[in-house]
Amino acid sequence: MTQQNLHLHHPIDAEFPQKMPKDADFIKASDIFQQLCDPTRLRILWILAHSEQCVNNVAALIHMSTSVVSHHLRSLRQTGLIVNRREGKEMYYRLADDKTATLVHQMIDDIFEMNCLK
């Protein structure tokens, strides 16, 4: 889209369209927001933001089956919000240590009006 094709009531900076994030960036952001719109995944994120847990513990904490929790964990891991590590036969999960996950953690704590438990 060129500037001449834009219908604007106010002039726009000629560099503005070049500053817009790429489509892939919007898709990635949308994927992250989709994770946050599910109350079960939000609950899991809250748990993992405050402690590293195995699937069984998360399932017990939220009163759901391990298969349902595993599905949610896989979805959260695919978007990079959580990471996992293996210890023997057990897989442990925690919030990822990156900017996006940190922002999500802060947002969750702000929404629930609480300080981090860590």
PDB file of N, CA and C in Angstrom:
ATOM      1  N   MET A   1       0.853  -1.170   0.000  1.00  0.00           N
ATOM      2  CA  MET A   1       0.000   0.000   0.000  1.00  0.00           C
ATOM      3  C   MET A   1       0.899   1.233   0.000  1.00  0.00           C
ATOM      4  N   THR A   2       0.689   2.101  -0.950  1.00  0.00           N
ATOM      5  CA  THR A   2       1.489   3.321  -1.011  1.00  0.00           C
ATOM      6  C   THR A   2       0.760   4.436  -0.294  1.00  0.00           C
ATOM      7  N   GLN A   3       1.510   5.493  -0.013  1.00  0.00           N
ATOM      8  CA  GLN A   3       0.919   6.621   0.708  1.00  0.00           C
ATOM      9  C   GLN A   3      -0.226   7.232  -0.101  1.00  0.00           C
ATOM     10  N   GLN A   4      -0.105   7.225  -1.421  1.00  0.00           N
ATOM     11  CA  GLN A   4      -1.153   7.826  -2.235  1.00  0.00           C
ATOM     12  C   GLN A   4      -2.446   7.005  -2.187  1.00  0.00           C
ATOM     13  N   ASN A   5      -2.371   5.713  -1.837  1.00  0.00           N
ATOM     14  CA  ASN A   5      -3.563   4.880  -1.732  1.00  0.00           C
ATOM     15  C   ASN A   5      -4.254   5.006  -0.378  1.00  0.00           C
ATOM     16  N   LEU A   6      -3.592   5.618   0.584  1.00  0.00           N
ATOM     17  CA  LEU A   6      -4.161   5.755   1.917  1.00  0.00           C
ATOM     18  C   LEU A   6      -5.160   6.900   1.945  1.00  0.00           C
ATOM     19  N   HIS A   7      -6.265   6.667   2.592  1.00  0.00           N
ATOM     20  CA  HIS A   7      -7.258   7.725   2.785  1.00  0.00           C
ATOM     21  C   HIS A   7      -7.091   8.237   4.207  1.00  0.00           C
ATOM     22  N   LEU A   8      -6.406   9.342   4.324  1.00  0.00           N
ATOM     23  CA  LEU A   8      -6.109   9.876   5.644  1.00  0.00           C
ATOM     24  C   LEU A   8      -6.565  11.321   5.751  1.00  0.00           C
ATOM     25  N   HIS A   9      -7.038  11.654   6.922  1.00  0.00           N
ATOM     26  CA  HIS A   9      -7.418  13.037   7.184  1.00  0.00           C
ATOM     27  C   HIS A   9      -6.223  13.839   7.675  1.00  0.00           C
ATOM     28  N   HIS A  10      -5.207  13.138   8.118  1.00  0.00           N
ATOM     29  CA  HIS A  10      -3.977  13.770   8.575  1.00  0.00           C
ATOM     30  C   HIS A  10      -2.817  13.105   7.838  1.00  0.00           C
ATOM     31  N   PRO A  11      -1.791  13.866   7.529  1.00  0.00           N
ATOM     32  CA  PRO A  11      -0.651  13.273   6.827  1.00  0.00           C
ATOM     33  C   PRO A  11      -0.007  12.180   7.681  1.00  0.00           C
ATOM     34  N   ILE A  12       0.550  11.210   6.989  1.00  0.00           N
ATOM     35  CA  ILE A  12       1.216  10.106   7.676  1.00  0.00           C
ATOM     36  C   ILE A  12       2.698  10.144   7.341  1.00  0.00           C
ATOM     37  N   ASP A  13       3.508   9.813   8.304  1.00  0.00           N
ATOM     38  CA  ASP A  13       4.952   9.737   8.110  1.00  0.00           C
ATOM     39  C   ASP A  13       5.233   8.718   7.002  1.00  0.00           C
ATOM     40  N   ALA A  14       6.022   9.103   6.026  1.00  0.00           N
ATOM     41  CA  ALA A  14       6.316   8.226   4.896  1.00  0.00           C
ATOM     42  C   ALA A  14       6.987   6.929   5.332  1.00  0.00           C
ATOM     43  N   GLU A  15       7.692   6.939   6.461  1.00  0.00           N
ATOM     44  CA  GLU A  15       8.380   5.737   6.940  1.00  0.00           C
ATOM     45  C   GLU A  15       7.469   4.820   7.760  1.00  0.00           C
ATOM     46  N   PHE A  16       6.284   5.301   8.103  1.00  0.00           N
ATOM     47  CA  PHE A  16       5.389   4.529   8.966  1.00  0.00           C
ATOM     48  C   PHE A  16       5.112   3.117   8.447  1.00  0.00           C
ATOM     49  N   PRO A  17       4.740   2.944   7.177  1.00  0.00           N
ATOM     50  CA  PRO A  17       4.468   1.580   6.696  1.00  0.00           C
ATOM     51  C   PRO A  17       5.677   0.641   6.817  1.00  0.00           C
ATOM     52  N   GLN A  18       6.893   1.171   6.674  1.00  0.00           N
ATOM     53  CA  GLN A  18       8.088   0.338   6.795  1.00  0.00           C
ATOM     54  C   GLN A  18       8.351  -0.057   8.251  1.00  0.00           C
ATOM     55  N   LYS A  19       7.835   0.719   9.193  1.00  0.00           N
ATOM     56  CA  LYS A  19       8.033   0.430  10.615  1.00  0.00           C
ATOM     57  C   LYS A  19       7.053  -0.622  11.137  1.00  0.00           C
ATOM     58  N   MET A  20       6.010  -0.879  10.360  1.00  0.00           N
ATOM     59  CA  MET A  20       4.997  -1.834  10.797  1.00  0.00           C
ATOM     60  C   MET A  20       5.610  -3.232  10.900  1.00  0.00           C
ATOM     61  N   PRO A  21       5.307  -3.968  11.972  1.00  0.00           N
ATOM     62  CA  PRO A  21       5.843  -5.333  12.096  1.00  0.00           C
ATOM     63  C   PRO A  21       5.406  -6.209  10.926  1.00  0.00           C
ATOM     64  N   LYS A  22       6.181  -7.248  10.686  1.00  0.00           N
ATOM     65  CA  LYS A  22       5.888  -8.187   9.607  1.00  0.00           C
ATOM     66  C   LYS A  22       4.668  -9.035   9.974  1.00  0.00           C
ATOM     67  N   ASP A  23       4.037  -9.613   8.961  1.00  0.00           N
ATOM     68  CA  ASP A  23       2.870 -10.465   9.186  1.00  0.00           C
ATOM     69  C   ASP A  23       3.182 -11.592  10.170  1.00  0.00           C
ATOM     70  N   ALA A  24       4.359 -12.181  10.054  1.00  0.00           N
ATOM     71  CA  ALA A  24       4.743 -13.283  10.946  1.00  0.00           C
ATOM     72  C   ALA A  24       4.770 -12.836  12.406  1.00  0.00           C
ATOM     73  N   ASP A  25       5.156 -11.590  12.648  1.00  0.00           N
ATOM     74  CA  ASP A  25       5.171 -11.063  14.017  1.00  0.00           C
ATOM     75  C   ASP A  25       3.754 -10.921  14.569  1.00  0.00           C
ATOM     76  N   PHE A  26       2.824 -10.491  13.726  1.00  0.00           N
ATOM     77  CA  PHE A  26       1.431 -10.391  14.167  1.00  0.00           C
ATOM     78  C   PHE A  26       0.842 -11.776  14.436  1.00  0.00           C
ATOM     79  N   ILE A  27       1.215 -12.746  13.618  1.00  0.00           N
ATOM     80  CA  ILE A  27       0.739 -14.119  13.823  1.00  0.00           C
ATOM     81  C   ILE A  27       1.267 -14.668  15.141  1.00  0.00           C
ATOM     82  N   LYS A  28       2.550 -14.436  15.412  1.00  0.00           N
ATOM     83  CA  LYS A  28       3.139 -14.898  16.675  1.00  0.00           C
ATOM     84  C   LYS A  28       2.442 -14.246  17.869  1.00  0.00           C
ATOM     85  N   ALA A  29       2.205 -12.949  17.795  1.00  0.00           N
ATOM     86  CA  ALA A  29       1.514 -12.243  18.881  1.00  0.00           C
ATOM     87  C   ALA A  29       0.096 -12.782  19.059  1.00  0.00           C
ATOM     88  N   SER A  30      -0.581 -13.042  17.960  1.00  0.00           N
ATOM     89  CA  SER A  30      -1.931 -13.590  18.020  1.00  0.00           C
ATOM     90  C   SER A  30      -1.933 -14.964  18.685  1.00  0.00           C
ATOM     91  N   ASP A  31      -0.943 -15.792  18.365  1.00  0.00           N
ATOM     92  CA  ASP A  31      -0.828 -17.117  18.992  1.00  0.00           C
ATOM     93  C   ASP A  31      -0.666 -16.999  20.505  1.00  0.00           C
ATOM     94  N   ILE A  32       0.136 -16.046  20.938  1.00  0.00           N
ATOM     95  CA  ILE A  32       0.346 -15.839  22.378  1.00  0.00           C
ATOM     96  C   ILE A  32      -0.949 -15.379  23.033  1.00  0.00           C
ATOM     97  N   PHE A  33      -1.642 -14.426  22.414  1.00  0.00           N
ATOM     98  CA  PHE A  33      -2.903 -13.943  22.986  1.00  0.00           C
ATOM     99  C   PHE A  33      -3.963 -15.046  23.019  1.00  0.00           C
ATOM    100  N   GLN A  34      -3.944 -15.938  22.033  1.00  0.00           N
ATOM    101  CA  GLN A  34      -4.884 -17.063  22.051  1.00  0.00           C
ATOM    102  C   GLN A  34      -4.632 -17.958  23.261  1.00  0.00           C
ATOM    103  N   GLN A  35      -3.377 -18.121  23.635  1.00  0.00           N
ATOM    104  CA  GLN A  35      -3.055 -18.912  24.822  1.00  0.00           C
ATOM    105  C   GLN A  35      -3.652 -18.275  26.069  1.00  0.00           C
ATOM    106  N   LEU A  36      -3.648 -16.960  26.111  1.00  0.00           N
ATOM    107  CA  LEU A  36      -4.095 -16.235  27.297  1.00  0.00           C
ATOM    108  C   LEU A  36      -5.616 -16.147  27.409  1.00  0.00           C
ATOM    109  N   CYS A  37      -6.345 -16.492  26.355  1.00  0.00           N
ATOM    110  CA  CYS A  37      -7.805 -16.368  26.409  1.00  0.00           C
ATOM    111  C   CYS A  37      -8.469 -17.605  27.003  1.00  0.00           C
ATOM    112  N   ASP A  38      -7.699 -18.625  27.329  1.00  0.00           N
ATOM    113  CA  ASP A  38      -8.254 -19.838  27.915  1.00  0.00           C
ATOM    114  C   ASP A  38      -8.017 -19.833  29.425  1.00  0.00           C
ATOM    115  N   PRO A  39      -9.066 -19.919  30.245  1.00  0.00           N
ATOM    116  CA  PRO A  39      -8.883 -19.849  31.698  1.00  0.00           C
ATOM    117  C   PRO A  39      -8.017 -20.973  32.264  1.00  0.00           C
ATOM    118  N   THR A  40      -8.087 -22.154  31.669  1.00  0.00           N
ATOM    119  CA  THR A  40      -7.245 -23.256  32.151  1.00  0.00           C
ATOM    120  C   THR A  40      -5.779 -22.949  31.902  1.00  0.00           C
ATOM    121  N   ARG A  41      -5.457 -22.457  30.712  1.00  0.00           N
ATOM    122  CA  ARG A  41      -4.058 -22.130  30.425  1.00  0.00           C
ATOM    123  C   ARG A  41      -3.579 -20.972  31.285  1.00  0.00           C
ATOM    124  N   LEU A  42      -4.448 -20.009  31.560  1.00  0.00           N
ATOM    125  CA  LEU A  42      -4.071 -18.914  32.465  1.00  0.00           C
ATOM    126  C   LEU A  42      -3.749 -19.450  33.856  1.00  0.00           C
ATOM    127  N   ARG A  43      -4.567 -20.372  34.317  1.00  0.00           N
ATOM    128  CA  ARG A  43      -4.338 -20.982  35.627  1.00  0.00           C
ATOM    129  C   ARG A  43      -2.995 -21.724  35.639  1.00  0.00           C
ATOM    130  N   ILE A  44      -2.731 -22.474  34.579  1.00  0.00           N
ATOM    131  CA  ILE A  44      -1.460 -23.196  34.468  1.00  0.00           C
ATOM    132  C   ILE A  44      -0.295 -22.213  34.416  1.00  0.00           C
ATOM    133  N   LEU A  45      -0.437 -21.148  33.643  1.00  0.00           N
ATOM    134  CA  LEU A  45       0.624 -20.137  33.571  1.00  0.00           C
ATOM    135  C   LEU A  45       0.892 -19.520  34.937  1.00  0.00           C
ATOM    136  N   TRP A  46      -0.167 -19.256  35.694  1.00  0.00           N
ATOM    137  CA  TRP A  46       0.014 -18.685  37.030  1.00  0.00           C
ATOM    138  C   TRP A  46       0.824 -19.646  37.897  1.00  0.00           C
ATOM    139  N   ILE A  47       0.480 -20.920  37.860  1.00  0.00           N
ATOM    140  CA  ILE A  47       1.205 -21.926  38.650  1.00  0.00           C
ATOM    141  C   ILE A  47       2.667 -21.966  38.238  1.00  0.00           C
ATOM    142  N   LEU A  48       2.916 -22.040  36.928  1.00  0.00           N
ATOM    143  CA  LEU A  48       4.288 -22.195  36.437  1.00  0.00           C
ATOM    144  C   LEU A  48       5.098 -20.909  36.535  1.00  0.00           C
ATOM    145  N   ALA A  49       4.426 -19.782  36.670  1.00  0.00           N
ATOM    146  CA  ALA A  49       5.144 -18.521  36.891  1.00  0.00           C
ATOM    147  C   ALA A  49       5.700 -18.467  38.305  1.00  0.00           C
ATOM    148  N   HIS A  50       5.125 -19.271  39.191  1.00  0.00           N
ATOM    149  CA  HIS A  50       5.516 -19.221  40.593  1.00  0.00           C
ATOM    150  C   HIS A  50       6.240 -20.465  41.084  1.00  0.00           C
ATOM    151  N   SER A  51       6.225 -21.539  40.286  1.00  0.00           N
ATOM    152  CA  SER A  51       6.944 -22.747  40.692  1.00  0.00           C
ATOM    153  C   SER A  51       7.082 -23.696  39.509  1.00  0.00           C
ATOM    154  N   GLU A  52       8.144 -24.457  39.534  1.00  0.00           N
ATOM    155  CA  GLU A  52       8.336 -25.501  38.530  1.00  0.00           C
ATOM    156  C   GLU A  52       7.533 -26.714  38.983  1.00  0.00           C
ATOM    157  N   GLN A  53       6.780 -27.312  38.055  1.00  0.00           N
ATOM    158  CA  GLN A  53       5.915 -28.431  38.419  1.00  0.00           C
ATOM    159  C   GLN A  53       5.913 -29.497  37.336  1.00  0.00           C
ATOM    160  N   CYS A  54       5.625 -30.725  37.755  1.00  0.00           N
ATOM    161  CA  CYS A  54       5.420 -31.811  36.799  1.00  0.00           C
ATOM    162  C   CYS A  54       3.942 -31.834  36.399  1.00  0.00           C
ATOM    163  N   VAL A  55       3.630 -32.594  35.363  1.00  0.00           N
ATOM    164  CA  VAL A  55       2.261 -32.678  34.853  1.00  0.00           C
ATOM    165  C   VAL A  55       1.298 -33.127  35.949  1.00  0.00           C
ATOM    166  N   ASN A  56       1.695 -34.141  36.716  1.00  0.00           N
ATOM    167  CA  ASN A  56       0.807 -34.674  37.755  1.00  0.00           C
ATOM    168  C   ASN A  56       0.461 -33.620  38.798  1.00  0.00           C
ATOM    169  N   ASN A  57       1.443 -32.837  39.212  1.00  0.00           N
ATOM    170  CA  ASN A  57       1.178 -31.793  40.207  1.00  0.00           C
ATOM    171  C   ASN A  57       0.245 -30.722  39.656  1.00  0.00           C
ATOM    172  N   VAL A  58       0.490 -30.302  38.414  1.00  0.00           N
ATOM    173  CA  VAL A  58      -0.379 -29.290  37.804  1.00  0.00           C
ATOM    174  C   VAL A  58      -1.804 -29.833  37.715  1.00  0.00           C
ATOM    175  N   ALA A  59      -1.938 -31.083  37.271  1.00  0.00           N
ATOM    176  CA  ALA A  59      -3.265 -31.699  37.155  1.00  0.00           C
ATOM    177  C   ALA A  59      -3.976 -31.734  38.506  1.00  0.00           C
ATOM    178  N   ALA A  60      -3.244 -32.084  39.551  1.00  0.00           N
ATOM    179  CA  ALA A  60      -3.844 -32.131  40.892  1.00  0.00           C
ATOM    180  C   ALA A  60      -4.246 -30.734  41.363  1.00  0.00           C
ATOM    181  N   LEU A  61      -3.413 -29.746  41.073  1.00  0.00           N
ATOM    182  CA  LEU A  61      -3.704 -28.378  41.519  1.00  0.00           C
ATOM    183  C   LEU A  61      -4.942 -27.783  40.856  1.00  0.00           C
ATOM    184  N   ILE A  62      -5.180 -28.153  39.599  1.00  0.00           N
ATOM    185  CA  ILE A  62      -6.327 -27.565  38.890  1.00  0.00           C
ATOM    186  C   ILE A  62      -7.480 -28.557  38.721  1.00  0.00           C
ATOM    187  N   HIS A  63      -7.348 -29.741  39.334  1.00  0.00           N
ATOM    188  CA  HIS A  63      -8.422 -30.742  39.335  1.00  0.00           C
ATOM    189  C   HIS A  63      -8.832 -31.149  37.921  1.00  0.00           C
ATOM    190  N   MET A  64      -7.826 -31.484  37.122  1.00  0.00           N
ATOM    191  CA  MET A  64      -8.067 -31.951  35.758  1.00  0.00           C
ATOM    192  C   MET A  64      -7.203 -33.180  35.506  1.00  0.00           C
ATOM    193  N   SER A  65      -7.537 -33.906  34.467  1.00  0.00           N
ATOM    194  CA  SER A  65      -6.765 -35.101  34.134  1.00  0.00           C
ATOM    195  C   SER A  65      -5.394 -34.718  33.582  1.00  0.00           C
ATOM    196  N   THR A  66      -4.447 -35.634  33.724  1.00  0.00           N
ATOM    197  CA  THR A  66      -3.098 -35.366  33.212  1.00  0.00           C
ATOM    198  C   THR A  66      -3.100 -35.234  31.695  1.00  0.00           C
ATOM    199  N   SER A  67      -3.998 -35.949  31.008  1.00  0.00           N
ATOM    200  CA  SER A  67      -4.026 -35.841  29.541  1.00  0.00           C
ATOM    201  C   SER A  67      -4.496 -34.452  29.100  1.00  0.00           C
ATOM    202  N   VAL A  68      -5.485 -33.900  29.789  1.00  0.00           N
ATOM    203  CA  VAL A  68      -5.959 -32.546  29.457  1.00  0.00           C
ATOM    204  C   VAL A  68      -4.866 -31.529  29.759  1.00  0.00           C
ATOM    205  N   VAL A  69      -4.228 -31.672  30.913  1.00  0.00           N
ATOM    206  CA  VAL A  69      -3.150 -30.752  31.295  1.00  0.00           C
ATOM    207  C   VAL A  69      -1.990 -30.866  30.309  1.00  0.00           C
ATOM    208  N   SER A  70      -1.650 -32.080  29.909  1.00  0.00           N
ATOM    209  CA  SER A  70      -0.564 -32.275  28.937  1.00  0.00           C
ATOM    210  C   SER A  70      -0.856 -31.553  27.632  1.00  0.00           C
ATOM    211  N   HIS A  71      -2.104 -31.599  27.197  1.00  0.00           N
ATOM    212  CA  HIS A  71      -2.506 -30.892  25.973  1.00  0.00           C
ATOM    213  C   HIS A  71      -2.266 -29.386  26.122  1.00  0.00           C
ATOM    214  N   HIS A  72      -2.678 -28.823  27.252  1.00  0.00           N
ATOM    215  CA  HIS A  72      -2.484 -27.389  27.490  1.00  0.00           C
ATOM    216  C   HIS A  72      -0.996 -27.047  27.606  1.00  0.00           C
ATOM    217  N   LEU A  73      -0.236 -27.891  28.273  1.00  0.00           N
ATOM    218  CA  LEU A  73       1.207 -27.650  28.412  1.00  0.00           C
ATOM    219  C   LEU A  73       1.888 -27.661  27.048  1.00  0.00           C
ATOM    220  N   ARG A  74       1.503 -28.593  26.200  1.00  0.00           N
ATOM    221  CA  ARG A  74       2.086 -28.668  24.854  1.00  0.00           C
ATOM    222  C   ARG A  74       1.790 -27.381  24.081  1.00  0.00           C
ATOM    223  N   SER A  75       0.565 -26.906  24.186  1.00  0.00           N
ATOM    224  CA  SER A  75       0.170 -25.676  23.501  1.00  0.00           C
ATOM    225  C   SER A  75       0.964 -24.476  24.018  1.00  0.00           C
ATOM    226  N   LEU A  76       1.114 -24.375  25.328  1.00  0.00           N
ATOM    227  CA  LEU A  76       1.883 -23.273  25.923  1.00  0.00           C
ATOM    228  C   LEU A  76       3.359 -23.355  25.538  1.00  0.00           C
ATOM    229  N   ARG A  77       3.879 -24.568  25.471  1.00  0.00           N
ATOM    230  CA  ARG A  77       5.292 -24.748  25.117  1.00  0.00           C
ATOM    231  C   ARG A  77       5.536 -24.383  23.653  1.00  0.00           C
ATOM    232  N   GLN A  78       4.591 -24.714  22.786  1.00  0.00           N
ATOM    233  CA  GLN A  78       4.749 -24.409  21.360  1.00  0.00           C
ATOM    234  C   GLN A  78       4.812 -22.911  21.093  1.00  0.00           C
ATOM    235  N   THR A  79       4.180 -22.116  21.931  1.00  0.00           N
ATOM    236  CA  THR A  79       4.240 -20.663  21.752  1.00  0.00           C
ATOM    237  C   THR A  79       5.417 -20.043  22.493  1.00  0.00           C
ATOM    238  N   GLY A  80       6.173 -20.861  23.221  1.00  0.00           N
ATOM    239  CA  GLY A  80       7.372 -20.369  23.894  1.00  0.00           C
ATOM    240  C   GLY A  80       7.128 -19.731  25.247  1.00  0.00           C
ATOM    241  N   LEU A  81       5.898 -19.832  25.768  1.00  0.00           N
ATOM    242  CA  LEU A  81       5.616 -19.232  27.072  1.00  0.00           C
ATOM    243  C   LEU A  81       6.166 -20.062  28.229  1.00  0.00           C
ATOM    244  N   ILE A  82       6.275 -21.377  28.028  1.00  0.00           N
ATOM    245  CA  ILE A  82       6.845 -22.238  29.061  1.00  0.00           C
ATOM    246  C   ILE A  82       7.945 -23.100  28.451  1.00  0.00           C
ATOM    247  N   VAL A  83       8.799 -23.623  29.315  1.00  0.00           N
ATOM    248  CA  VAL A  83       9.856 -24.547  28.902  1.00  0.00           C
ATOM    249  C   VAL A  83       9.764 -25.781  29.787  1.00  0.00           C
ATOM    250  N   ASN A  84      10.392 -26.852  29.327  1.00  0.00           N
ATOM    251  CA  ASN A  84      10.372 -28.074  30.118  1.00  0.00           C
ATOM    252  C   ASN A  84      11.764 -28.674  30.220  1.00  0.00           C
ATOM    253  N   ARG A  85      11.926 -29.551  31.204  1.00  0.00           N
ATOM    254  CA  ARG A  85      13.164 -30.310  31.364  1.00  0.00           C
ATOM    255  C   ARG A  85      12.788 -31.685  31.878  1.00  0.00           C
ATOM    256  N   ARG A  86      13.602 -32.648  31.505  1.00  0.00           N
ATOM    257  CA  ARG A  86      13.353 -34.020  31.925  1.00  0.00           C
ATOM    258  C   ARG A  86      14.243 -34.351  33.113  1.00  0.00           C
ATOM    259  N   GLU A  87      13.658 -35.019  34.089  1.00  0.00           N
ATOM    260  CA  GLU A  87      14.407 -35.552  35.224  1.00  0.00           C
ATOM    261  C   GLU A  87      13.952 -36.995  35.395  1.00  0.00           C
ATOM    262  N   GLY A  88      14.782 -37.928  34.921  1.00  0.00           N
ATOM    263  CA  GLY A  88      14.373 -39.336  34.907  1.00  0.00           C
ATOM    264  C   GLY A  88      13.212 -39.507  33.944  1.00  0.00           C
ATOM    265  N   LYS A  89      12.129 -40.095  34.434  1.00  0.00           N
ATOM    266  CA  LYS A  89      10.938 -40.280  33.600  1.00  0.00           C
ATOM    267  C   LYS A  89       9.985 -39.091  33.673  1.00  0.00           C
ATOM    268  N   GLU A  90      10.254 -38.183  34.588  1.00  0.00           N
ATOM    269  CA  GLU A  90       9.351 -37.056  34.842  1.00  0.00           C
ATOM    270  C   GLU A  90       9.746 -35.824  34.026  1.00  0.00           C
ATOM    271  N   MET A  91       8.745 -35.128  33.489  1.00  0.00           N
ATOM    272  CA  MET A  91       8.949 -33.882  32.765  1.00  0.00           C
ATOM    273  C   MET A  91       8.478 -32.744  33.666  1.00  0.00           C
ATOM    274  N   TYR A  92       9.329 -31.732  33.831  1.00  0.00           N
ATOM    275  CA  TYR A  92       9.002 -30.575  34.662  1.00  0.00           C
ATOM    276  C   TYR A  92       8.848 -29.343  33.781  1.00  0.00           C
ATOM    277  N   TYR A  93       7.917 -28.487  34.153  1.00  0.00           N
ATOM    278  CA  TYR A  93       7.601 -27.290  33.379  1.00  0.00           C
ATOM    279  C   TYR A  93       7.728 -26.051  34.250  1.00  0.00           C
ATOM    280  N   ARG A  94       8.113 -24.953  33.606  1.00  0.00           N
ATOM    281  CA  ARG A  94       8.187 -23.656  34.280  1.00  0.00           C
ATOM    282  C   ARG A  94       7.997 -22.582  33.220  1.00  0.00           C
ATOM    283  N   LEU A  95       7.746 -21.371  33.691  1.00  0.00           N
ATOM    284  CA  LEU A  95       7.611 -20.246  32.779  1.00  0.00           C
ATOM    285  C   LEU A  95       8.945 -20.013  32.076  1.00  0.00           C
ATOM    286  N   ALA A  96       8.904 -19.700  30.802  1.00  0.00           N
ATOM    287  CA  ALA A  96      10.131 -19.415  30.053  1.00  0.00           C
ATOM    288  C   ALA A  96      10.809 -18.177  30.626  1.00  0.00           C
ATOM    289  N   ASP A  97      12.102 -18.121  30.443  1.00  0.00           N
ATOM    290  CA  ASP A  97      12.885 -16.996  30.962  1.00  0.00           C
ATOM    291  C   ASP A  97      13.188 -16.032  29.818  1.00  0.00           C
ATOM    292  N   ASP A  98      12.140 -15.397  29.298  1.00  0.00           N
ATOM    293  CA  ASP A  98      12.332 -14.416  28.230  1.00  0.00           C
ATOM    294  C   ASP A  98      11.390 -13.233  28.452  1.00  0.00           C
ATOM    295  N   LYS A  99      11.535 -12.235  27.617  1.00  0.00           N
ATOM    296  CA  LYS A  99      10.796 -10.978  27.795  1.00  0.00           C
ATOM    297  C   LYS A  99       9.283 -11.189  27.727  1.00  0.00           C
ATOM    298  N   THR A 100       8.823 -11.953  26.753  1.00  0.00           N
ATOM    299  CA  THR A 100       7.386 -12.161  26.588  1.00  0.00           C
ATOM    300  C   THR A 100       6.790 -12.875  27.792  1.00  0.00           C
ATOM    301  N   ALA A 101       7.426 -13.948  28.227  1.00  0.00           N
ATOM    302  CA  ALA A 101       6.921 -14.699  29.381  1.00  0.00           C
ATOM    303  C   ALA A 101       6.948 -13.843  30.643  1.00  0.00           C
ATOM    304  N   THR A 102       7.977 -13.026  30.794  1.00  0.00           N
ATOM    305  CA  THR A 102       8.065 -12.131  31.952  1.00  0.00           C
ATOM    306  C   THR A 102       6.918 -11.122  31.938  1.00  0.00           C
ATOM    307  N   LEU A 103       6.614 -10.577  30.768  1.00  0.00           N
ATOM    308  CA  LEU A 103       5.491  -9.635  30.654  1.00  0.00           C
ATOM    309  C   LEU A 103       4.161 -10.314  30.976  1.00  0.00           C
ATOM    310  N   VAL A 104       3.994 -11.541  30.501  1.00  0.00           N
ATOM    311  CA  VAL A 104       2.774 -12.295  30.802  1.00  0.00           C
ATOM    312  C   VAL A 104       2.665 -12.526  32.308  1.00  0.00           C
ATOM    313  N   HIS A 105       3.778 -12.898  32.935  1.00  0.00           N
ATOM    314  CA  HIS A 105       3.805 -13.112  34.390  1.00  0.00           C
ATOM    315  C   HIS A 105       3.389 -11.836  35.120  1.00  0.00           C
ATOM    316  N   GLN A 106       3.975 -10.715  34.741  1.00  0.00           N
ATOM    317  CA  GLN A 106       3.636  -9.438  35.380  1.00  0.00           C
ATOM    318  C   GLN A 106       2.165  -9.085  35.174  1.00  0.00           C
ATOM    319  N   MET A 107       1.684  -9.335  33.969  1.00  0.00           N
ATOM    320  CA  MET A 107       0.294  -9.032  33.664  1.00  0.00           C
ATOM    321  C   MET A 107      -0.648  -9.892  34.510  1.00  0.00           C
ATOM    322  N   ILE A 108      -0.353 -11.176  34.624  1.00  0.00           N
ATOM    323  CA  ILE A 108      -1.189 -12.067  35.427  1.00  0.00           C
ATOM    324  C   ILE A 108      -1.197 -11.611  36.882  1.00  0.00           C
ATOM    325  N   ASP A 109      -0.026 -11.313  37.428  1.00  0.00           N
ATOM    326  CA  ASP A 109       0.038 -10.848  38.816  1.00  0.00           C
ATOM    327  C   ASP A 109      -0.711  -9.528  38.993  1.00  0.00           C
ATOM    328  N   ASP A 110      -0.610  -8.630  38.009  1.00  0.00           N
ATOM    329  CA  ASP A 110      -1.332  -7.356  38.092  1.00  0.00           C
ATOM    330  C   ASP A 110      -2.845  -7.567  38.045  1.00  0.00           C
ATOM    331  N   ILE A 111      -3.286  -8.461  37.183  1.00  0.00           N
ATOM    332  CA  ILE A 111      -4.720  -8.734  37.072  1.00  0.00           C
ATOM    333  C   ILE A 111      -5.262  -9.273  38.393  1.00  0.00           C
ATOM    334  N   PHE A 112      -4.499 -10.161  39.020  1.00  0.00           N
ATOM    335  CA  PHE A 112      -4.940 -10.744  40.286  1.00  0.00           C
ATOM    336  C   PHE A 112      -4.537  -9.896  41.487  1.00  0.00           C
ATOM    337  N   GLU A 113      -3.970  -8.725  41.196  1.00  0.00           N
ATOM    338  CA  GLU A 113      -3.572  -7.765  42.229  1.00  0.00           C
ATOM    339  C   GLU A 113      -2.783  -8.431  43.347  1.00  0.00           C
ATOM    340  N   MET A 114      -1.715  -9.094  42.934  1.00  0.00           N
ATOM    341  CA  MET A 114      -0.868  -9.752  43.921  1.00  0.00           C
ATOM    342  C   MET A 114       0.590  -9.609  43.539  1.00  0.00           C
ATOM    343  N   ASN A 115       1.449  -9.767  44.499  1.00  0.00           N
ATOM    344  CA  ASN A 115       2.878  -9.769  44.243  1.00  0.00           C
ATOM    345  C   ASN A 115       3.303 -11.188  43.919  1.00  0.00           C
ATOM    346  N   CYS A 116       4.378 -11.295  43.207  1.00  0.00           N
ATOM    347  CA  CYS A 116       4.910 -12.598  42.848  1.00  0.00           C
ATOM    348  C   CYS A 116       5.222 -13.392  44.109  1.00  0.00           C
ATOM    349  N   LEU A 117       4.921 -14.677  44.074  1.00  0.00           N
ATOM    350  CA  LEU A 117       5.171 -15.553  45.219  1.00  0.00           C
ATOM    351  C   LEU A 117       6.616 -16.007  45.306  1.00  0.00           C
ATOM    352  N   LYS A 118       7.374 -15.829  44.229  1.00  0.00           N
ATOM    353  CA  LYS A 118       8.776 -16.279  44.223  1.00  0.00           C
ATOM    354  C   LYS A 118       9.616 -15.408  45.111  1.00  0.00           C
TER     355      LYS A 118
END
